[in-house]
PDB file of N, CA and C in Angstrom:
ATOM      1  N   UNK A   1       4.704  86.983  81.245  1.00  0.00           N
ATOM      2  CA  UNK A   1       4.708  88.422  80.520  1.00  0.00           C
ATOM      3  C   UNK A   1       4.479  88.634  79.689  1.00  0.00           C
ATOM      4  N   UNK A   2       3.103  89.717  79.429  1.00  0.00           N
ATOM      5  CA  UNK A   2       2.325  89.394  78.040  1.00  0.00           C
ATOM      6  C   UNK A   2       3.596  90.273  77.279  1.00  0.00           C
ATOM      7  N   UNK A   3       3.227  90.088  76.310  1.00  0.00           N
ATOM      8  CA  UNK A   3       4.059  90.597  74.988  1.00  0.00           C
ATOM      9  C   UNK A   3       3.974  92.066  74.821  1.00  0.00           C
ATOM     10  N   UNK A   4       3.025  92.873  74.982  1.00  0.00           N
ATOM     11  CA  UNK A   4       2.597  94.569  74.912  1.00  0.00           C
ATOM     12  C   UNK A   4       3.625  94.707  76.137  1.00  0.00           C
ATOM     13  N   UNK A   5       3.284  94.045  77.557  1.00  0.00           N
ATOM     14  CA  UNK A   5       4.210  94.637  78.368  1.00  0.00           C
ATOM     15  C   UNK A   5       5.448  94.775  78.935  1.00  0.00           C
ATOM     16  N   UNK A   6       5.985  93.796  78.355  1.00  0.00           N
ATOM     17  CA  UNK A   6       7.376  93.442  77.927  1.00  0.00           C
ATOM     18  C   UNK A   6       8.101  94.546  76.877  1.00  0.00           C
ATOM     19  N   UNK A   7       7.160  94.795  75.748  1.00  0.00           N
ATOM     20  CA  UNK A   7       7.893  95.740  75.227  1.00  0.00           C
ATOM     21  C   UNK A   7       7.650  96.842  75.999  1.00  0.00           C
ATOM     22  N   UNK A   8       6.559  97.361  76.355  1.00  0.00           N
ATOM     23  CA  UNK A   8       6.919  98.222  77.115  1.00  0.00           C
ATOM     24  C   UNK A   8       8.011  98.873  78.286  1.00  0.00           C
ATOM     25  N   UNK A   9       8.642  97.717  78.797  1.00  0.00           N
ATOM     26  CA  UNK A   9       9.490  97.229  79.496  1.00  0.00           C
ATOM     27  C   UNK A   9      10.665  97.618  78.887  1.00  0.00           C
ATOM     28  N   UNK A  10      10.876  97.325  78.091  1.00  0.00           N
ATOM     29  CA  UNK A  10      11.905  97.413  76.994  1.00  0.00           C
ATOM     30  C   UNK A  10      12.385  98.944  76.487  1.00  0.00           C
ATOM     31  N   UNK A  11      10.919  99.280  76.302  1.00  0.00           N
ATOM     32  CA  UNK A  11      11.116 100.805  75.796  1.00  0.00           C
ATOM     33  C   UNK A  11      11.700 101.389  76.978  1.00  0.00           C
ATOM     34  N   UNK A  12      11.038 101.711  78.221  1.00  0.00           N
ATOM     35  CA  UNK A  12      11.531 102.397  79.614  1.00  0.00           C
ATOM     36  C   UNK A  12      12.860 102.152  80.144  1.00  0.00           C
ATOM     37  N   UNK A  13      13.316 101.036  79.914  1.00  0.00           N
ATOM     38  CA  UNK A  13      14.565 100.804  79.962  1.00  0.00           C
ATOM     39  C   UNK A  13      15.625 101.465  78.949  1.00  0.00           C
ATOM     40  N   UNK A  14      14.997 101.179  77.697  1.00  0.00           N
ATOM     41  CA  UNK A  14      16.070 102.154  76.719  1.00  0.00           C
ATOM     42  C   UNK A  14      16.085 103.553  76.655  1.00  0.00           C
ATOM     43  N   UNK A  15      14.853 104.162  77.268  1.00  0.00           N
ATOM     44  CA  UNK A  15      15.071 105.853  77.867  1.00  0.00           C
ATOM     45  C   UNK A  15      15.869 106.179  79.219  1.00  0.00           C
ATOM     46  N   UNK A  16      16.093 104.876  79.991  1.00  0.00           N
ATOM     47  CA  UNK A  16      16.650 105.079  80.882  1.00  0.00           C
ATOM     48  C   UNK A  16      18.305 104.640  80.268  1.00  0.00           C
ATOM     49  N   UNK A  17      18.448 103.899  79.607  1.00  0.00           N
ATOM     50  CA  UNK A  17      20.098 103.830  79.063  1.00  0.00           C
ATOM     51  C   UNK A  17      20.716 105.209  78.362  1.00  0.00           C
ATOM     52  N   UNK A  18      19.391 105.910  77.889  1.00  0.00           N
ATOM     53  CA  UNK A  18      20.420 106.909  77.160  1.00  0.00           C
ATOM     54  C   UNK A  18      20.561 107.977  77.859  1.00  0.00           C
ATOM     55  N   UNK A  19      19.641 107.854  79.171  1.00  0.00           N
ATOM     56  CA  UNK A  19      20.053 108.972  80.357  1.00  0.00           C
ATOM     57  C   UNK A  19      21.464 108.592  80.842  1.00  0.00           C
ATOM     58  N   UNK A  20      21.501 107.450  81.725  1.00  0.00           N
ATOM     59  CA  UNK A  20      22.664 107.005  82.028  1.00  0.00           C
ATOM     60  C   UNK A  20      24.134 106.926  80.893  1.00  0.00           C
ATOM     61  N   UNK A  21      23.712 106.568  79.518  1.00  0.00           N
ATOM     62  CA  UNK A  21      24.733 107.157  78.747  1.00  0.00           C
ATOM     63  C   UNK A  21      25.333 108.917  78.640  1.00  0.00           C
ATOM     64  N   UNK A  22      23.993 109.659  78.836  1.00  0.00           N
ATOM     65  CA  UNK A  22      24.558 110.858  78.856  1.00  0.00           C
ATOM     66  C   UNK A  22      25.664 111.303  79.870  1.00  0.00           C
ATOM     67  N   UNK A  23      24.955 110.493  81.020  1.00  0.00           N
ATOM     68  CA  UNK A  23      25.582 111.141  82.340  1.00  0.00           C
ATOM     69  C   UNK A  23      26.545 110.503  82.808  1.00  0.00           C
ATOM     70  N   UNK A  24      27.158 109.321  82.294  1.00  0.00           N
ATOM     71  CA  UNK A  24      28.325 108.362  82.761  1.00  0.00           C
ATOM     72  C   UNK A  24      29.195 108.149  81.477  1.00  0.00           C
ATOM     73  N   UNK A  25      28.943 108.077  80.249  1.00  0.00           N
ATOM     74  CA  UNK A  25      29.381 107.641  79.208  1.00  0.00           C
ATOM     75  C   UNK A  25      28.888 106.421  78.860  1.00  0.00           C
ATOM     76  N   UNK A  26      29.462 105.591  77.669  1.00  0.00           N
ATOM     77  CA  UNK A  26      29.568 104.210  77.256  1.00  0.00           C
ATOM     78  C   UNK A  26      30.013 103.298  78.269  1.00  0.00           C
ATOM     79  N   UNK A  27      30.859 103.431  78.567  1.00  0.00           N
ATOM     80  CA  UNK A  27      31.954 102.300  79.591  1.00  0.00           C
ATOM     81  C   UNK A  27      31.352 102.405  80.875  1.00  0.00           C
ATOM     82  N   UNK A  28      30.457 102.849  81.794  1.00  0.00           N
ATOM     83  CA  UNK A  28      30.486 102.747  83.101  1.00  0.00           C
ATOM     84  C   UNK A  28      29.691 101.597  83.278  1.00  0.00           C
ATOM     85  N   UNK A  29      30.128 101.224  84.384  1.00  0.00           N
ATOM     86  CA  UNK A  29      29.478 100.087  85.090  1.00  0.00           C
ATOM     87  C   UNK A  29      27.995 100.001  84.784  1.00  0.00           C
ATOM     88  N   UNK A  30      27.454 100.892  84.962  1.00  0.00           N
ATOM     89  CA  UNK A  30      25.915 101.081  85.457  1.00  0.00           C
ATOM     90  C   UNK A  30      25.128 100.863  83.830  1.00  0.00           C
ATOM     91  N   UNK A  31      26.010 101.553  82.807  1.00  0.00           N
ATOM     92  CA  UNK A  31      25.405 101.480  81.314  1.00  0.00           C
ATOM     93  C   UNK A  31      25.568 100.137  81.001  1.00  0.00           C
ATOM     94  N   UNK A  32      26.810  99.624  81.178  1.00  0.00           N
ATOM     95  CA  UNK A  32      26.679  98.103  80.980  1.00  0.00           C
ATOM     96  C   UNK A  32      25.867  97.322  81.662  1.00  0.00           C
ATOM     97  N   UNK A  33      25.507  97.543  82.569  1.00  0.00           N
ATOM     98  CA  UNK A  33      24.616  96.698  83.483  1.00  0.00           C
ATOM     99  C   UNK A  33      23.305  96.873  82.562  1.00  0.00           C
ATOM    100  N   UNK A  34      22.476  97.954  82.323  1.00  0.00           N
ATOM    101  CA  UNK A  34      21.374  97.868  82.281  1.00  0.00           C
ATOM    102  C   UNK A  34      21.578  97.983  80.358  1.00  0.00           C
ATOM    103  N   UNK A  35      22.514  97.580  79.936  1.00  0.00           N
ATOM    104  CA  UNK A  35      22.336  97.398  78.088  1.00  0.00           C
ATOM    105  C   UNK A  35      22.211  95.738  78.529  1.00  0.00           C
ATOM    106  N   UNK A  36      22.924  95.150  79.409  1.00  0.00           N
ATOM    107  CA  UNK A  36      22.885  93.754  79.378  1.00  0.00           C
ATOM    108  C   UNK A  36      21.401  93.209  80.031  1.00  0.00           C
ATOM    109  N   UNK A  37      20.812  93.873  80.955  1.00  0.00           N
ATOM    110  CA  UNK A  37      19.710  93.501  81.143  1.00  0.00           C
ATOM    111  C   UNK A  37      18.761  94.151  79.833  1.00  0.00           C
ATOM    112  N   UNK A  38      18.801  95.285  79.091  1.00  0.00           N
ATOM    113  CA  UNK A  38      17.922  95.299  78.150  1.00  0.00           C
ATOM    114  C   UNK A  38      18.150  93.780  77.153  1.00  0.00           C
ATOM    115  N   UNK A  39      19.396  93.335  76.872  1.00  0.00           N
ATOM    116  CA  UNK A  39      19.217  92.476  76.118  1.00  0.00           C
ATOM    117  C   UNK A  39      18.518  91.333  76.412  1.00  0.00           C
ATOM    118  N   UNK A  40      18.786  90.995  77.812  1.00  0.00           N
ATOM    119  CA  UNK A  40      18.046  89.884  78.381  1.00  0.00           C
ATOM    120  C   UNK A  40      16.319  90.114  77.828  1.00  0.00           C
ATOM    121  N   UNK A  41      16.058  91.139  78.079  1.00  0.00           N
ATOM    122  CA  UNK A  41      14.264  91.225  77.740  1.00  0.00           C
ATOM    123  C   UNK A  41      14.452  91.274  76.811  1.00  0.00           C
ATOM    124  N   UNK A  42      14.923  91.394  75.224  1.00  0.00           N
ATOM    125  CA  UNK A  42      14.972  91.535  74.139  1.00  0.00           C
ATOM    126  C   UNK A  42      15.170  89.834  73.856  1.00  0.00           C
ATOM    127  N   UNK A  43      15.974  89.113  74.074  1.00  0.00           N
ATOM    128  CA  UNK A  43      15.920  87.786  74.058  1.00  0.00           C
ATOM    129  C   UNK A  43      14.265  87.492  74.559  1.00  0.00           C
ATOM    130  N   UNK A  44      13.956  87.970  75.625  1.00  0.00           N
ATOM    131  CA  UNK A  44      12.568  86.924  76.645  1.00  0.00           C
ATOM    132  C   UNK A  44      11.735  87.338  75.083  1.00  0.00           C
ATOM    133  N   UNK A  45      11.593  88.538  74.779  1.00  0.00           N
ATOM    134  CA  UNK A  45      10.899  89.476  73.477  1.00  0.00           C
ATOM    135  C   UNK A  45      10.769  88.041  72.192  1.00  0.00           C
ATOM    136  N   UNK A  46      12.253  88.340  72.091  1.00  0.00           N
ATOM    137  CA  UNK A  46      12.343  87.664  70.616  1.00  0.00           C
ATOM    138  C   UNK A  46      11.519  85.976  70.792  1.00  0.00           C
ATOM    139  N   UNK A  47      11.867  85.435  72.049  1.00  0.00           N
ATOM    140  CA  UNK A  47      11.086  83.772  72.125  1.00  0.00           C
ATOM    141  C   UNK A  47      10.014  83.557  72.346  1.00  0.00           C
ATOM    142  N   UNK A  48       9.446  84.653  73.195  1.00  0.00           N
ATOM    143  CA  UNK A  48       7.871  84.323  72.975  1.00  0.00           C
ATOM    144  C   UNK A  48       7.331  85.116  72.043  1.00  0.00           C
ATOM    145  N   UNK A  49       7.563  86.073  71.040  1.00  0.00           N
ATOM    146  CA  UNK A  49       7.483  86.102  69.852  1.00  0.00           C
ATOM    147  C   UNK A  49       7.384  85.072  68.591  1.00  0.00           C
ATOM    148  N   UNK A  50       8.356  84.147  68.535  1.00  0.00           N
ATOM    149  CA  UNK A  50       8.533  82.969  68.335  1.00  0.00           C
ATOM    150  C   UNK A  50       7.914  81.763  68.276  1.00  0.00           C
ATOM    151  N   UNK A  51       7.238  81.880  69.431  1.00  0.00           N
ATOM    152  CA  UNK A  51       6.587  80.511  69.774  1.00  0.00           C
ATOM    153  C   UNK A  51       4.598  80.784  69.132  1.00  0.00           C
ATOM    154  N   UNK A  52       4.092  79.811  69.229  1.00  0.00           N
ATOM    155  CA  UNK A  52       2.860  79.522  68.624  1.00  0.00           C
ATOM    156  C   UNK A  52       2.177  80.287  69.218  1.00  0.00           C
ATOM    157  N   UNK A  53       1.249  81.407  68.863  1.00  0.00           N
ATOM    158  CA  UNK A  53       0.014  81.704  70.281  1.00  0.00           C
ATOM    159  C   UNK A  53      -0.369  80.627  70.628  1.00  0.00           C
ATOM    160  N   UNK A  54      -0.731  79.404  70.454  1.00  0.00           N
ATOM    161  CA  UNK A  54      -1.351  78.970  71.292  1.00  0.00           C
ATOM    162  C   UNK A  54      -0.676  78.274  72.643  1.00  0.00           C
ATOM    163  N   UNK A  55       0.431  78.360  71.986  1.00  0.00           N
ATOM    164  CA  UNK A  55       1.507  77.473  73.073  1.00  0.00           C
ATOM    165  C   UNK A  55       1.888  78.647  74.342  1.00  0.00           C
ATOM    166  N   UNK A  56       1.613  79.952  73.947  1.00  0.00           N
ATOM    167  CA  UNK A  56       2.088  80.756  75.151  1.00  0.00           C
ATOM    168  C   UNK A  56       0.766  80.581  75.899  1.00  0.00           C
ATOM    169  N   UNK A  57      -0.625  80.205  75.707  1.00  0.00           N
ATOM    170  CA  UNK A  57      -1.456  80.019  76.831  1.00  0.00           C
ATOM    171  C   UNK A  57      -1.387  79.190  77.384  1.00  0.00           C
ATOM    172  N   UNK A  58      -2.581  78.523  78.576  1.00  0.00           N
ATOM    173  CA  UNK A  58      -3.367  77.614  78.973  1.00  0.00           C
ATOM    174  C   UNK A  58      -4.642  77.734  79.357  1.00  0.00           C
ATOM    175  N   UNK A  59      -5.315  77.312  78.812  1.00  0.00           N
ATOM    176  CA  UNK A  59      -6.612  78.112  79.141  1.00  0.00           C
ATOM    177  C   UNK A  59      -6.529  79.492  79.316  1.00  0.00           C
ATOM    178  N   UNK A  60      -7.249  80.409  80.078  1.00  0.00           N
ATOM    179  CA  UNK A  60      -7.162  81.843  80.385  1.00  0.00           C
ATOM    180  C   UNK A  60      -5.699  82.082  80.954  1.00  0.00           C
ATOM    181  N   UNK A  61      -5.156  81.283  81.149  1.00  0.00           N
ATOM    182  CA  UNK A  61      -3.665  81.636  81.734  1.00  0.00           C
ATOM    183  C   UNK A  61      -2.512  81.600  81.484  1.00  0.00           C
ATOM    184  N   UNK A  62      -1.865  82.894  81.395  1.00  0.00           N
ATOM    185  CA  UNK A  62      -0.558  83.088  80.681  1.00  0.00           C
ATOM    186  C   UNK A  62       0.630  82.189  81.386  1.00  0.00           C
ATOM    187  N   UNK A  63       1.315  81.732  80.544  1.00  0.00           N
ATOM    188  CA  UNK A  63       2.346  80.551  80.897  1.00  0.00           C
ATOM    189  C   UNK A  63       3.863  81.388  80.787  1.00  0.00           C
ATOM    190  N   UNK A  64       4.730  82.157  81.815  1.00  0.00           N
ATOM    191  CA  UNK A  64       6.162  82.624  81.476  1.00  0.00           C
ATOM    192  C   UNK A  64       7.180  81.499  80.586  1.00  0.00           C
TER     193      UNK A  64
END
């Protein structure tokens, strides 16, 4: 997954999280689940950003 696409996905999920919190409160199961999903995406983003540029690509093909 490309960094920009992953970043967009994180931002969209964060907006969804805000709406869920407004509707259900902070401790609702749906809110906690989405928050954990965002955490996983952020961890993936940080790992990708930490890798040297060349190790993320093999030829023209992106390595997941």
